[in-house]
Protein backbone atom coordinates (compact mmCIF):
# COMPACT_ATOMS: atom_id res chain seq x y z
CA MET A 1 22.60 -1.33 -0.87
CA THR A 2 24.54 -4.60 -0.75
CA GLY A 3 21.35 -6.56 -0.18
CA PHE A 4 19.82 -4.97 -3.25
CA VAL A 5 22.83 -5.92 -5.40
CA SER A 6 22.51 -9.60 -4.39
CA GLU A 7 18.74 -9.46 -5.04
CA VAL A 8 19.43 -8.08 -8.54
CA ALA A 9 21.74 -11.05 -9.23
CA VAL A 10 19.00 -13.46 -8.14
CA PHE A 11 16.47 -11.53 -10.25
CA ARG A 12 18.77 -11.78 -13.30
CA GLN A 13 19.19 -15.55 -12.78
CA ARG A 14 15.41 -16.06 -12.67
CA LEU A 15 14.74 -14.23 -15.93
CA LYS A 16 16.16 -16.83 -18.31
CA PRO A 17 14.05 -19.80 -17.07
CA ALA A 18 11.03 -17.50 -17.28
CA GLY A 19 11.76 -16.90 -20.98
CA LEU A 20 12.88 -13.30 -20.37
CA GLY A 21 16.66 -13.73 -20.67
CA GLU A 22 16.90 -11.51 -23.75
CA PHE A 23 15.35 -8.65 -21.75
CA ALA A 24 17.57 -9.12 -18.67
CA ASP A 25 19.67 -5.96 -19.08
CA SER A 26 16.62 -3.72 -19.56
CA LEU A 27 14.69 -5.32 -16.72
CA VAL A 28 17.65 -5.13 -14.31
CA GLN A 29 18.05 -1.41 -15.11
CA MET A 30 14.40 -0.84 -14.15
CA ALA A 31 14.55 -2.95 -10.97
CA ARG A 32 14.18 -1.09 -7.67
CA PRO A 33 14.34 -2.25 -4.08
CA SER A 34 10.99 -3.05 -2.52
CA VAL A 35 9.59 -3.37 0.95
CA ARG A 36 7.37 -6.37 1.62
CA LEU A 37 4.69 -6.14 4.26
CA VAL A 38 3.90 -9.25 6.26
CA ALA A 39 0.98 -9.51 8.66
CA ASP A 40 1.98 -10.18 12.27
CA ALA A 41 -0.86 -10.82 14.71
CA ALA A 42 1.50 -10.12 17.64
CA LEU A 43 1.80 -6.43 16.72
CA PRO A 44 -0.58 -3.91 18.37
CA ALA A 45 -2.61 -3.13 15.22
CA THR A 46 -5.35 -1.31 17.11
CA GLU A 47 -3.02 1.38 18.47
CA PRO A 48 -3.46 4.79 16.83
CA ALA A 49 -1.17 5.20 13.82
CA ALA A 50 -0.12 1.52 13.88
CA SER A 51 0.56 -0.32 10.63
CA ARG A 52 -2.30 -2.74 9.98
CA LEU A 53 -4.23 -4.72 7.41
CA GLY A 54 -7.94 -3.95 7.50
CA GLY A 55 -9.69 -2.58 10.52
CA ALA A 56 -10.26 1.16 10.65
CA PRO A 57 -7.97 3.80 9.16
CA ASP A 58 -6.57 6.68 11.18
CA LEU A 59 -7.64 9.66 9.11
CA PRO A 60 -8.08 13.23 10.30
CA ALA A 61 -11.70 14.42 10.46
CA SER A 62 -10.87 16.86 7.64
CA THR A 63 -10.02 14.00 5.25
CA SER A 64 -12.95 12.62 3.27
CA TRP A 65 -13.33 8.87 2.95
CA PRO A 66 -12.40 8.02 -0.67
CA ARG A 67 -15.31 7.18 -2.98
CA ASN A 68 -15.96 6.49 -6.63
CA GLU A 69 -19.18 6.35 -8.64
CA ASP A 70 -20.01 2.97 -7.06
CA GLY A 71 -19.71 4.27 -3.49
CA PRO A 72 -17.09 4.30 -0.75
CA LEU A 73 -13.82 2.44 -1.28
CA SER A 74 -12.77 -0.32 1.11
CA PHE A 75 -9.95 0.33 3.56
CA ILE A 76 -7.24 -2.24 2.85
CA ALA A 77 -4.18 -1.27 4.87
CA GLN A 78 -2.39 1.46 6.76
CA VAL A 79 1.40 1.72 6.89
CA ASN A 80 3.20 3.82 9.47
CA LEU A 81 6.20 5.04 7.49
CA ALA A 82 8.37 5.09 10.63
CA ASP A 83 8.06 1.27 10.53
CA VAL A 84 9.36 1.19 6.96
CA THR A 85 12.05 3.87 6.89
CA ALA A 86 14.88 1.53 8.02
CA TYR A 87 14.15 -0.76 5.05
CA GLU A 88 13.48 1.87 2.40
CA SER A 89 16.96 2.52 0.95
CA GLU A 90 15.89 4.67 -2.02
CA GLY A 91 14.58 7.57 0.08
CA ALA A 92 11.43 7.70 -2.04
CA LEU A 93 9.06 7.79 0.95
CA PRO A 94 8.73 10.27 3.80
CA SER A 95 10.28 9.00 7.05
CA ASP A 96 7.07 9.52 9.04
CA GLY A 97 3.33 9.74 8.60
CA LEU A 98 0.80 7.20 7.40
CA LEU A 99 -0.08 5.77 4.02
CA SER A 100 -3.68 4.53 3.93
CA PHE A 101 -4.68 2.28 1.04
CA PHE A 102 -8.23 2.00 -0.32
CA TYR A 103 -9.70 -0.08 -3.17
CA ASP A 104 -13.10 -0.78 -4.70
CA ALA A 105 -13.21 -4.25 -3.14
CA VAL A 106 -16.99 -4.52 -3.44
CA THR A 107 -17.12 -4.56 -7.25
CA GLN A 108 -13.46 -5.53 -7.82
CA SER A 109 -13.99 -4.36 -11.38
CA ALA A 110 -10.79 -2.34 -11.70
CA TRP A 111 -7.23 -3.57 -11.83
CA GLY A 112 -5.52 -0.29 -12.71
CA PHE A 113 -4.46 -1.20 -16.24
CA ASP A 114 -7.11 0.92 -17.94
CA PRO A 115 -7.42 4.70 -17.55
CA ALA A 116 -11.14 4.08 -16.98
CA ASP A 117 -10.13 2.46 -13.65
CA HIS A 118 -9.27 5.92 -12.29
CA GLY A 119 -10.90 6.43 -8.92
CA SER A 120 -11.13 2.73 -8.05
CA ALA A 121 -8.18 2.95 -5.68
CA ALA A 122 -6.68 5.64 -3.48
CA VAL A 123 -3.61 6.13 -1.32
CA ILE A 124 -3.79 8.89 1.27
CA TYR A 125 -0.72 10.31 3.00
CA THR A 126 -1.37 11.71 6.46
CA PRO A 127 1.37 13.37 8.51
CA THR A 128 1.38 11.55 11.88
CA PRO A 129 0.74 14.60 14.11
CA THR A 130 -2.63 15.22 12.43
CA VAL A 131 -3.95 11.71 13.07
CA THR A 132 -6.78 11.66 15.57
CA ASP A 133 -8.30 8.21 15.88
CA HIS A 134 -9.90 5.32 14.01
CA ARG A 135 -12.52 6.27 11.44
CA VAL A 136 -15.68 4.23 11.12
CA PRO A 137 -16.43 3.11 7.55
CA PRO A 138 -19.29 4.98 5.86
CA ALA A 139 -22.73 3.46 6.44
CA ASP A 140 -23.20 2.91 2.68
CA LEU A 141 -20.10 0.71 2.38
CA ALA A 142 -21.32 -2.86 1.78
CA GLU A 143 -20.59 -5.29 4.61
CA ASP A 144 -18.41 -7.45 2.34
CA GLY A 145 -16.26 -4.36 1.67
CA VAL A 146 -15.13 -4.06 5.30
CA PHE A 147 -12.05 -6.00 6.35
């Protein structure tokens, strides 16, 4: 928690030059620790259940690929929570399993600010023991929606 306290002090210092000094107390109260993901080409991203950006998600056969009215969502990233648990001090996430992130990257029409954007993104939690292997994107997902 010490690291978070020092980050809060830095956060508070940056608010005034950004014109938000008068809101510092409220913003600091709402601040929470975060985990930043950084791509590392040296990691074995093709291993089953490995954290990765793009590629193919590890979803059980029983899990449907997320879709919206425009078609299948693009697979963006997969995070193995065992990789994150040492850095996640709030205890808000499970200590194992996978989080798979999907977004409508083909149309990119939704940013999540409007309730009408519902369905344009999805996060799927999969307990690690149920993961089988990489899933191939649906055939109707546009080529520019595969990363």
